[in-house]
Amino acid sequence: MPQIVQLYVSTMSSSPSVRECFRCQYTLTICRSRDIVIDSLIEPNKNLPPLPRIGFILYIPKEYNIVTWHDRGHMRTIRIVKRKP
């Protein structure tokens, strides 16, 4: 069994009014320890106005009840919302 599995995803996001809003590159690393590391590079189109935030929504099955977040970014916040089904 490999020690890690890596997935590379490259996308282009757009809206009806602006073509090519964001160029996005993601690397998901799944470790044998069951850790998942998500690295992202998001480049906005230079013609866009200043944006308030960019983030991820991650849905995890209820049986995975131990989750740890590590944030190494400057001035970033992580909001964890628990919703009842």
C-alpha atoms as a PDB file:
ATOM      1  CA  MET A   1       0.000   0.000   0.000  1.00  0.00           C
ATOM      2  CA  PRO A   2       1.428   3.450  -0.873  1.00  0.00           C
ATOM      3  CA  GLN A   3       2.315   5.855   1.923  1.00  0.00           C
ATOM      4  CA  ILE A   4       0.433   8.706   0.241  1.00  0.00           C
ATOM      5  CA  VAL A   5      -1.947   9.292  -2.640  1.00  0.00           C
ATOM      6  CA  GLN A   6      -2.004  12.679  -4.334  1.00  0.00           C
ATOM      7  CA  LEU A   7      -4.753  14.141  -6.483  1.00  0.00           C
ATOM      8  CA  TYR A   8      -4.142  17.197  -8.653  1.00  0.00           C
ATOM      9  CA  VAL A   9      -7.109  19.270  -9.810  1.00  0.00           C
ATOM     10  CA  SER A  10      -6.998  22.331 -12.042  1.00  0.00           C
ATOM     11  CA  THR A  11     -10.171  24.325 -12.719  1.00  0.00           C
ATOM     12  CA  MET A  12     -11.368  27.621 -14.123  1.00  0.00           C
ATOM     13  CA  SER A  13     -14.349  29.253 -12.418  1.00  0.00           C
ATOM     14  CA  SER A  14     -16.553  31.830 -14.070  1.00  0.00           C
ATOM     15  CA  SER A  15     -19.875  33.598 -13.715  1.00  0.00           C
ATOM     16  CA  PRO A  16     -22.536  34.636 -16.231  1.00  0.00           C
ATOM     17  CA  SER A  17     -21.216  38.212 -16.218  1.00  0.00           C
ATOM     18  CA  VAL A  18     -17.443  37.613 -16.008  1.00  0.00           C
ATOM     19  CA  ARG A  19     -15.606  34.976 -17.985  1.00  0.00           C
ATOM     20  CA  GLU A  20     -12.618  33.318 -16.314  1.00  0.00           C
ATOM     21  CA  CYS A  21     -13.083  34.674 -12.787  1.00  0.00           C
ATOM     22  CA  PHE A  22     -10.626  32.359 -11.004  1.00  0.00           C
ATOM     23  CA  ARG A  23      -7.896  29.942 -12.011  1.00  0.00           C
ATOM     24  CA  CYS A  24      -7.719  27.281  -9.271  1.00  0.00           C
ATOM     25  CA  GLN A  25      -5.205  24.532  -8.605  1.00  0.00           C
ATOM     26  CA  TYR A  26      -5.664  22.045  -5.783  1.00  0.00           C
ATOM     27  CA  THR A  27      -3.446  19.288  -4.452  1.00  0.00           C
ATOM     28  CA  LEU A  28      -5.101  16.783  -2.132  1.00  0.00           C
ATOM     29  CA  THR A  29      -2.696  14.518  -0.279  1.00  0.00           C
ATOM     30  CA  ILE A  30      -4.181  11.486   1.459  1.00  0.00           C
ATOM     31  CA  CYS A  31      -1.746   9.884   3.889  1.00  0.00           C
ATOM     32  CA  ARG A  32      -1.691   6.348   5.182  1.00  0.00           C
ATOM     33  CA  SER A  33      -2.335   7.836   8.643  1.00  0.00           C
ATOM     34  CA  ARG A  34      -5.714   9.008   7.224  1.00  0.00           C
ATOM     35  CA  ASP A  35      -4.662  12.653   7.273  1.00  0.00           C
ATOM     36  CA  ILE A  36      -5.888  14.698   4.323  1.00  0.00           C
ATOM     37  CA  VAL A  37      -3.915  17.790   3.354  1.00  0.00           C
ATOM     38  CA  ILE A  38      -5.470  20.267   0.915  1.00  0.00           C
ATOM     39  CA  ASP A  39      -3.214  22.842  -0.739  1.00  0.00           C
ATOM     40  CA  SER A  40      -4.785  25.445  -2.982  1.00  0.00           C
ATOM     41  CA  LEU A  41      -3.647  28.177  -5.305  1.00  0.00           C
ATOM     42  CA  ILE A  42      -6.454  30.514  -6.362  1.00  0.00           C
ATOM     43  CA  GLU A  43      -5.653  33.300  -8.812  1.00  0.00           C
ATOM     44  CA  PRO A  44      -8.424  35.847  -9.478  1.00  0.00           C
ATOM     45  CA  ASN A  45      -8.813  37.564 -12.819  1.00  0.00           C
ATOM     46  CA  LYS A  46      -7.011  40.920 -12.613  1.00  0.00           C
ATOM     47  CA  ASN A  47     -10.171  42.752 -13.743  1.00  0.00           C
ATOM     48  CA  LEU A  48     -12.228  41.655 -10.728  1.00  0.00           C
ATOM     49  CA  PRO A  49     -13.004  44.059  -7.860  1.00  0.00           C
ATOM     50  CA  PRO A  50     -11.520  43.312  -4.403  1.00  0.00           C
ATOM     51  CA  LEU A  51     -13.052  40.149  -2.978  1.00  0.00           C
ATOM     52  CA  PRO A  52     -14.070  39.664   0.668  1.00  0.00           C
ATOM     53  CA  ARG A  53     -13.045  35.997   1.022  1.00  0.00           C
ATOM     54  CA  ILE A  54     -12.490  32.654  -0.628  1.00  0.00           C
ATOM     55  CA  GLY A  55     -13.036  29.392   1.186  1.00  0.00           C
ATOM     56  CA  PHE A  56     -13.954  25.744   1.167  1.00  0.00           C
ATOM     57  CA  ILE A  57     -17.019  23.884   2.281  1.00  0.00           C
ATOM     58  CA  LEU A  58     -16.209  20.367   3.402  1.00  0.00           C
ATOM     59  CA  TYR A  59     -18.970  17.887   4.178  1.00  0.00           C
ATOM     60  CA  ILE A  60     -17.865  15.005   6.378  1.00  0.00           C
ATOM     61  CA  PRO A  61     -20.019  11.972   7.254  1.00  0.00           C
ATOM     62  CA  LYS A  62     -21.246  11.985  10.847  1.00  0.00           C
ATOM     63  CA  GLU A  63     -19.225   8.874  11.775  1.00  0.00           C
ATOM     64  CA  TYR A  64     -16.012  10.885  11.263  1.00  0.00           C
ATOM     65  CA  ASN A  65     -16.418  12.810  14.490  1.00  0.00           C
ATOM     66  CA  ILE A  66     -12.773  13.713  15.209  1.00  0.00           C
ATOM     67  CA  VAL A  67     -11.607  16.571  12.989  1.00  0.00           C
ATOM     68  CA  THR A  68      -8.546  18.768  13.460  1.00  0.00           C
ATOM     69  CA  TRP A  69      -7.846  21.910  11.446  1.00  0.00           C
ATOM     70  CA  HIS A  70      -4.371  23.353  10.980  1.00  0.00           C
ATOM     71  CA  ASP A  71      -4.139  26.842   9.534  1.00  0.00           C
ATOM     72  CA  ARG A  72      -0.786  28.347   8.616  1.00  0.00           C
ATOM     73  CA  GLY A  73      -2.026  31.353   6.687  1.00  0.00           C
ATOM     74  CA  HIS A  74      -1.671  34.999   7.592  1.00  0.00           C
ATOM     75  CA  MET A  75      -4.813  36.572   9.071  1.00  0.00           C
ATOM     76  CA  ARG A  76      -7.003  33.588   8.220  1.00  0.00           C
ATOM     77  CA  THR A  77      -9.890  32.342  10.277  1.00  0.00           C
ATOM     78  CA  ILE A  78     -11.701  29.056  10.244  1.00  0.00           C
ATOM     79  CA  ARG A  79     -15.339  28.883  11.197  1.00  0.00           C
ATOM     80  CA  ILE A  80     -16.655  25.435  12.009  1.00  0.00           C
ATOM     81  CA  VAL A  81     -20.423  25.139  11.862  1.00  0.00           C
ATOM     82  CA  LYS A  82     -22.190  22.091  13.234  1.00  0.00           C
ATOM     83  CA  ARG A  83     -25.617  21.607  11.747  1.00  0.00           C
ATOM     84  CA  LYS A  84     -28.229  19.175  12.897  1.00  0.00           C
ATOM     85  CA  PRO A  85     -29.593  16.893  10.161  1.00  0.00           C
END
